[in-house]
Amino acid sequence: MSILDEHFRNPSNAGVLEDADLRVEVENPVCGDLLRLFIARDEEGLVRDARFQVYGCPAAIGVGSLLTEVVSGKSREEVRELDREKIEAMIGGLPDDKEHAIVLAVDALKQVDGNW
C-alpha cells in the first residue's frame, strides 16, 4: 500500500482543533476540493497539534493527513521550508491529475505562515 493510500484509508488527525491558534481554509476553484488546516502552538512557538478537514478526492484527504503529521513539532521556519517538491516526495509522488492535492497543501502552508 502506498503512503497516500495509507493516509487516505487511515487518516491521521482528521477533524477540528478547537484550541487552534491558526485556522486556514484553501480551495481549488477548478475541482472544488477544500482543505481546512488547524494548528495549535506551544509556548516555544512549535506546532503542538495539527488537524485537518478535507472535502474532496482521496488524494486531497491523504495529503491533508500527511500534512498534519509533517508539521507537528516544527517551528515556523521549518513549516515555511515545506514546499511542493518536499511534500510530493513525502507522499511518494502523485499522478498528474492529482497534483492539485499538493497545491492545496502548499497554499494552506502559505496562509499559515502569513498568519503565524
N, C-alpha and C. Protein backbone atom coordinates (compact mmCIF):
# COMPACT_ATOMS: atom_id res chain seq x y z
N MET A 1 0.85 -1.18 0.00
CA MET A 1 0.00 0.00 0.00
C MET A 1 0.89 1.24 0.00
N SER A 2 0.56 2.21 -0.81
CA SER A 2 1.36 3.43 -0.89
C SER A 2 1.12 4.31 0.33
N ILE A 3 1.99 5.27 0.53
CA ILE A 3 1.84 6.23 1.63
C ILE A 3 0.52 6.98 1.47
N LEU A 4 0.22 7.39 0.26
CA LEU A 4 -1.03 8.11 0.02
C LEU A 4 -2.24 7.24 0.37
N ASP A 5 -2.24 5.99 -0.08
CA ASP A 5 -3.34 5.09 0.23
C ASP A 5 -3.50 4.90 1.74
N GLU A 6 -2.39 4.74 2.43
CA GLU A 6 -2.44 4.55 3.88
C GLU A 6 -3.07 5.76 4.56
N HIS A 7 -2.67 6.95 4.14
CA HIS A 7 -3.23 8.17 4.75
C HIS A 7 -4.70 8.36 4.37
N PHE A 8 -5.08 7.93 3.18
CA PHE A 8 -6.49 8.03 2.80
C PHE A 8 -7.33 7.03 3.59
N ARG A 9 -6.87 5.81 3.69
CA ARG A 9 -7.64 4.75 4.36
C ARG A 9 -7.66 4.93 5.89
N ASN A 10 -6.57 5.46 6.44
CA ASN A 10 -6.44 5.65 7.88
C ASN A 10 -5.91 7.04 8.18
N PRO A 11 -6.72 8.06 7.91
CA PRO A 11 -6.22 9.44 8.07
C PRO A 11 -5.85 9.76 9.51
N SER A 12 -4.76 10.48 9.65
CA SER A 12 -4.30 10.96 10.95
C SER A 12 -4.86 12.36 11.18
N ASN A 13 -5.27 12.63 12.40
CA ASN A 13 -5.60 13.99 12.83
C ASN A 13 -6.74 14.63 12.07
N ALA A 14 -7.72 13.83 11.66
CA ALA A 14 -8.88 14.40 10.98
C ALA A 14 -9.80 15.06 12.00
N GLY A 15 -10.35 16.20 11.63
CA GLY A 15 -11.31 16.88 12.49
C GLY A 15 -10.89 18.30 12.81
N VAL A 16 -11.70 18.93 13.63
CA VAL A 16 -11.49 20.32 14.03
C VAL A 16 -10.65 20.35 15.30
N LEU A 17 -9.76 21.31 15.40
CA LEU A 17 -8.96 21.52 16.61
C LEU A 17 -9.50 22.78 17.28
N GLU A 18 -10.26 22.58 18.34
CA GLU A 18 -10.97 23.69 18.98
C GLU A 18 -10.03 24.78 19.52
N ASP A 19 -8.86 24.39 20.04
CA ASP A 19 -7.95 25.39 20.61
C ASP A 19 -6.86 25.84 19.63
N ALA A 20 -7.17 25.77 18.34
CA ALA A 20 -6.20 26.15 17.32
C ALA A 20 -5.83 27.62 17.40
N ASP A 21 -4.54 27.90 17.25
CA ASP A 21 -4.05 29.27 17.14
C ASP A 21 -4.20 29.78 15.71
N LEU A 22 -4.12 28.85 14.78
CA LEU A 22 -4.18 29.18 13.36
C LEU A 22 -5.23 28.31 12.69
N ARG A 23 -6.07 28.94 11.89
CA ARG A 23 -7.11 28.24 11.13
C ARG A 23 -7.07 28.81 9.72
N VAL A 24 -6.83 27.94 8.75
CA VAL A 24 -6.81 28.40 7.37
C VAL A 24 -7.71 27.50 6.53
N GLU A 25 -8.19 28.07 5.44
CA GLU A 25 -9.04 27.33 4.51
C GLU A 25 -8.61 27.69 3.10
N VAL A 26 -8.36 26.67 2.30
CA VAL A 26 -7.99 26.88 0.91
C VAL A 26 -8.87 26.00 0.03
N GLU A 27 -9.11 26.47 -1.17
CA GLU A 27 -9.99 25.75 -2.09
C GLU A 27 -9.40 25.76 -3.49
N ASN A 28 -9.59 24.67 -4.18
CA ASN A 28 -9.23 24.60 -5.59
C ASN A 28 -10.50 24.93 -6.38
N PRO A 29 -10.53 26.09 -7.02
CA PRO A 29 -11.76 26.50 -7.72
C PRO A 29 -12.09 25.63 -8.92
N VAL A 30 -11.11 24.89 -9.45
CA VAL A 30 -11.36 24.06 -10.63
C VAL A 30 -12.10 22.78 -10.25
N CYS A 31 -11.57 22.06 -9.24
CA CYS A 31 -12.19 20.78 -8.87
C CYS A 31 -13.10 20.88 -7.65
N GLY A 32 -13.01 21.99 -6.91
CA GLY A 32 -13.87 22.18 -5.76
C GLY A 32 -13.36 21.60 -4.46
N ASP A 33 -12.17 20.98 -4.46
CA ASP A 33 -11.61 20.43 -3.22
C ASP A 33 -11.36 21.57 -2.23
N LEU A 34 -11.59 21.28 -0.96
CA LEU A 34 -11.44 22.26 0.11
C LEU A 34 -10.63 21.64 1.23
N LEU A 35 -9.63 22.36 1.72
CA LEU A 35 -8.80 21.91 2.83
C LEU A 35 -8.85 22.95 3.93
N ARG A 36 -9.19 22.50 5.13
CA ARG A 36 -9.10 23.33 6.32
C ARG A 36 -7.99 22.77 7.19
N LEU A 37 -7.09 23.63 7.62
CA LEU A 37 -5.97 23.22 8.45
C LEU A 37 -6.01 24.00 9.75
N PHE A 38 -5.89 23.29 10.86
CA PHE A 38 -5.93 23.87 12.20
C PHE A 38 -4.60 23.57 12.88
N ILE A 39 -3.98 24.59 13.46
CA ILE A 39 -2.68 24.40 14.12
C ILE A 39 -2.69 25.08 15.48
N ALA A 40 -2.23 24.35 16.49
CA ALA A 40 -2.03 24.91 17.83
C ALA A 40 -0.53 24.89 18.11
N ARG A 41 -0.04 25.99 18.70
CA ARG A 41 1.39 26.10 19.00
C ARG A 41 1.62 26.00 20.50
N ASP A 42 2.83 25.57 20.86
CA ASP A 42 3.19 25.52 22.27
C ASP A 42 3.87 26.82 22.68
N GLU A 43 4.38 26.86 23.92
CA GLU A 43 4.99 28.07 24.46
C GLU A 43 6.21 28.53 23.67
N GLU A 44 6.92 27.60 23.05
CA GLU A 44 8.10 27.96 22.26
C GLU A 44 7.75 28.31 20.82
N GLY A 45 6.49 28.22 20.46
CA GLY A 45 6.08 28.54 19.10
C GLY A 45 6.12 27.36 18.15
N LEU A 46 6.37 26.15 18.67
CA LEU A 46 6.37 24.96 17.83
C LEU A 46 4.95 24.44 17.66
N VAL A 47 4.71 23.74 16.57
CA VAL A 47 3.39 23.16 16.34
C VAL A 47 3.17 22.04 17.36
N ARG A 48 2.21 22.27 18.25
CA ARG A 48 1.87 21.29 19.29
C ARG A 48 0.88 20.27 18.76
N ASP A 49 -0.04 20.72 17.91
CA ASP A 49 -1.07 19.83 17.39
C ASP A 49 -1.54 20.38 16.06
N ALA A 50 -1.95 19.50 15.17
CA ALA A 50 -2.48 19.90 13.87
C ALA A 50 -3.61 18.96 13.49
N ARG A 51 -4.66 19.51 12.94
CA ARG A 51 -5.81 18.73 12.47
C ARG A 51 -6.22 19.28 11.10
N PHE A 52 -6.99 18.46 10.40
CA PHE A 52 -7.43 18.89 9.07
C PHE A 52 -8.85 18.40 8.80
N GLN A 53 -9.49 19.08 7.87
CA GLN A 53 -10.73 18.64 7.27
C GLN A 53 -10.56 18.82 5.77
N VAL A 54 -11.00 17.83 5.01
CA VAL A 54 -10.96 17.92 3.56
C VAL A 54 -12.31 17.52 3.00
N TYR A 55 -12.77 18.29 2.07
CA TYR A 55 -13.93 17.95 1.26
C TYR A 55 -13.39 17.81 -0.15
N GLY A 56 -13.19 16.56 -0.56
CA GLY A 56 -12.62 16.37 -1.88
C GLY A 56 -12.22 14.93 -2.13
N CYS A 57 -11.32 14.77 -3.04
CA CYS A 57 -10.91 13.46 -3.52
C CYS A 57 -10.00 12.74 -2.53
N PRO A 58 -9.79 11.44 -2.73
CA PRO A 58 -8.91 10.67 -1.85
C PRO A 58 -7.49 11.24 -1.76
N ALA A 59 -6.97 11.77 -2.85
CA ALA A 59 -5.61 12.34 -2.82
C ALA A 59 -5.56 13.54 -1.88
N ALA A 60 -6.57 14.38 -1.91
CA ALA A 60 -6.61 15.56 -1.03
C ALA A 60 -6.71 15.12 0.43
N ILE A 61 -7.49 14.09 0.70
CA ILE A 61 -7.60 13.57 2.07
C ILE A 61 -6.27 13.02 2.53
N GLY A 62 -5.62 12.22 1.69
CA GLY A 62 -4.33 11.64 2.04
C GLY A 62 -3.25 12.68 2.27
N VAL A 63 -3.20 13.68 1.43
CA VAL A 63 -2.19 14.74 1.59
C VAL A 63 -2.50 15.57 2.84
N GLY A 64 -3.76 15.84 3.11
CA GLY A 64 -4.13 16.57 4.34
C GLY A 64 -3.69 15.82 5.58
N SER A 65 -3.89 14.52 5.59
CA SER A 65 -3.47 13.69 6.72
C SER A 65 -1.95 13.72 6.89
N LEU A 66 -1.23 13.53 5.81
CA LEU A 66 0.24 13.58 5.86
C LEU A 66 0.71 14.93 6.36
N LEU A 67 0.08 15.98 5.89
CA LEU A 67 0.49 17.34 6.26
C LEU A 67 0.44 17.55 7.76
N THR A 68 -0.59 17.04 8.43
CA THR A 68 -0.68 17.23 9.87
C THR A 68 0.44 16.51 10.60
N GLU A 69 0.83 15.35 10.11
CA GLU A 69 1.95 14.63 10.74
C GLU A 69 3.26 15.35 10.51
N VAL A 70 3.45 15.88 9.31
CA VAL A 70 4.71 16.52 8.94
C VAL A 70 4.95 17.81 9.72
N VAL A 71 3.91 18.60 9.94
CA VAL A 71 4.12 19.89 10.62
C VAL A 71 4.25 19.76 12.13
N SER A 72 3.79 18.67 12.70
CA SER A 72 3.83 18.50 14.16
C SER A 72 5.25 18.59 14.70
N GLY A 73 5.40 19.44 15.72
CA GLY A 73 6.70 19.63 16.35
C GLY A 73 7.62 20.61 15.64
N LYS A 74 7.16 21.17 14.53
CA LYS A 74 8.00 22.06 13.72
C LYS A 74 7.84 23.53 14.12
N SER A 75 8.90 24.28 13.85
CA SER A 75 8.89 25.73 14.05
C SER A 75 8.31 26.40 12.80
N ARG A 76 8.08 27.70 12.90
CA ARG A 76 7.59 28.45 11.74
C ARG A 76 8.55 28.32 10.57
N GLU A 77 9.85 28.42 10.85
CA GLU A 77 10.85 28.33 9.79
C GLU A 77 10.82 26.96 9.12
N GLU A 78 10.68 25.91 9.92
CA GLU A 78 10.62 24.55 9.35
C GLU A 78 9.36 24.34 8.53
N VAL A 79 8.25 24.88 8.98
CA VAL A 79 7.00 24.78 8.22
C VAL A 79 7.14 25.54 6.91
N ARG A 80 7.77 26.69 6.96
CA ARG A 80 7.98 27.53 5.77
C ARG A 80 8.79 26.79 4.69
N GLU A 81 9.67 25.89 5.11
CA GLU A 81 10.52 25.16 4.17
C GLU A 81 9.80 24.02 3.45
N LEU A 82 8.60 23.69 3.87
CA LEU A 82 7.85 22.60 3.24
C LEU A 82 7.24 23.09 1.94
N ASP A 83 7.89 22.78 0.84
CA ASP A 83 7.42 23.22 -0.46
C ASP A 83 6.80 22.04 -1.23
N ARG A 84 6.39 22.32 -2.42
CA ARG A 84 5.71 21.33 -3.27
C ARG A 84 6.56 20.07 -3.47
N GLU A 85 7.83 20.26 -3.77
CA GLU A 85 8.71 19.12 -4.04
C GLU A 85 8.88 18.24 -2.80
N LYS A 86 9.03 18.85 -1.64
CA LYS A 86 9.21 18.08 -0.40
C LYS A 86 7.96 17.30 -0.05
N ILE A 87 6.81 17.94 -0.18
CA ILE A 87 5.56 17.25 0.14
C ILE A 87 5.32 16.11 -0.85
N GLU A 88 5.57 16.37 -2.12
CA GLU A 88 5.39 15.32 -3.12
C GLU A 88 6.31 14.14 -2.86
N ALA A 89 7.54 14.41 -2.46
CA ALA A 89 8.48 13.32 -2.14
C ALA A 89 7.99 12.53 -0.93
N MET A 90 7.47 13.21 0.07
CA MET A 90 6.98 12.54 1.28
C MET A 90 5.79 11.63 1.00
N ILE A 91 4.93 12.04 0.08
CA ILE A 91 3.74 11.26 -0.24
C ILE A 91 4.05 10.18 -1.26
N GLY A 92 5.23 10.23 -1.86
CA GLY A 92 5.62 9.22 -2.84
C GLY A 92 5.19 9.54 -4.25
N GLY A 93 4.93 10.81 -4.50
CA GLY A 93 4.52 11.24 -5.84
C GLY A 93 3.03 11.04 -6.07
N LEU A 94 2.52 11.78 -7.02
CA LEU A 94 1.10 11.69 -7.39
C LEU A 94 0.97 11.73 -8.90
N PRO A 95 -0.07 11.10 -9.43
CA PRO A 95 -0.34 11.24 -10.87
C PRO A 95 -0.65 12.71 -11.19
N ASP A 96 -0.41 13.10 -12.41
CA ASP A 96 -0.62 14.49 -12.82
C ASP A 96 -2.02 15.00 -12.49
N ASP A 97 -3.03 14.14 -12.64
CA ASP A 97 -4.40 14.59 -12.40
C ASP A 97 -4.74 14.72 -10.91
N LYS A 98 -3.78 14.39 -10.03
CA LYS A 98 -4.00 14.52 -8.59
C LYS A 98 -3.04 15.52 -7.94
N GLU A 99 -2.21 16.17 -8.75
CA GLU A 99 -1.25 17.16 -8.25
C GLU A 99 -1.92 18.30 -7.49
N HIS A 100 -3.18 18.56 -7.79
CA HIS A 100 -3.89 19.65 -7.12
C HIS A 100 -3.94 19.45 -5.60
N ALA A 101 -3.85 18.20 -5.15
CA ALA A 101 -3.87 17.93 -3.71
C ALA A 101 -2.64 18.52 -3.03
N ILE A 102 -1.51 18.45 -3.70
CA ILE A 102 -0.28 19.03 -3.15
C ILE A 102 -0.37 20.55 -3.19
N VAL A 103 -0.94 21.08 -4.24
CA VAL A 103 -1.11 22.54 -4.35
C VAL A 103 -1.98 23.05 -3.20
N LEU A 104 -3.04 22.32 -2.85
CA LEU A 104 -3.87 22.70 -1.71
C LEU A 104 -3.03 22.78 -0.43
N ALA A 105 -2.19 21.76 -0.21
CA ALA A 105 -1.36 21.72 1.00
C ALA A 105 -0.40 22.90 1.03
N VAL A 106 0.25 23.18 -0.08
CA VAL A 106 1.21 24.29 -0.15
C VAL A 106 0.50 25.62 0.07
N ASP A 107 -0.67 25.78 -0.53
CA ASP A 107 -1.44 27.01 -0.33
C ASP A 107 -1.83 27.19 1.13
N ALA A 108 -2.21 26.09 1.79
CA ALA A 108 -2.55 26.16 3.21
C ALA A 108 -1.33 26.56 4.04
N LEU A 109 -0.18 26.01 3.73
CA LEU A 109 1.04 26.35 4.48
C LEU A 109 1.43 27.81 4.27
N LYS A 110 1.21 28.34 3.08
CA LYS A 110 1.49 29.76 2.84
C LYS A 110 0.59 30.63 3.70
N GLN A 111 -0.67 30.25 3.81
CA GLN A 111 -1.59 31.03 4.66
C GLN A 111 -1.21 30.91 6.13
N VAL A 112 -0.80 29.72 6.53
CA VAL A 112 -0.34 29.53 7.92
C VAL A 112 0.82 30.46 8.20
N ASP A 113 1.80 30.48 7.31
CA ASP A 113 2.97 31.33 7.51
C ASP A 113 2.57 32.79 7.58
N GLY A 114 1.66 33.21 6.73
CA GLY A 114 1.22 34.60 6.73
C GLY A 114 0.44 35.00 7.97
N ASN A 115 -0.12 34.02 8.67
CA ASN A 115 -0.91 34.30 9.87
C ASN A 115 -0.20 33.91 11.17
N TRP A 116 1.00 33.40 11.07
CA TRP A 116 1.73 32.88 12.23
C TRP A 116 1.78 33.94 13.31
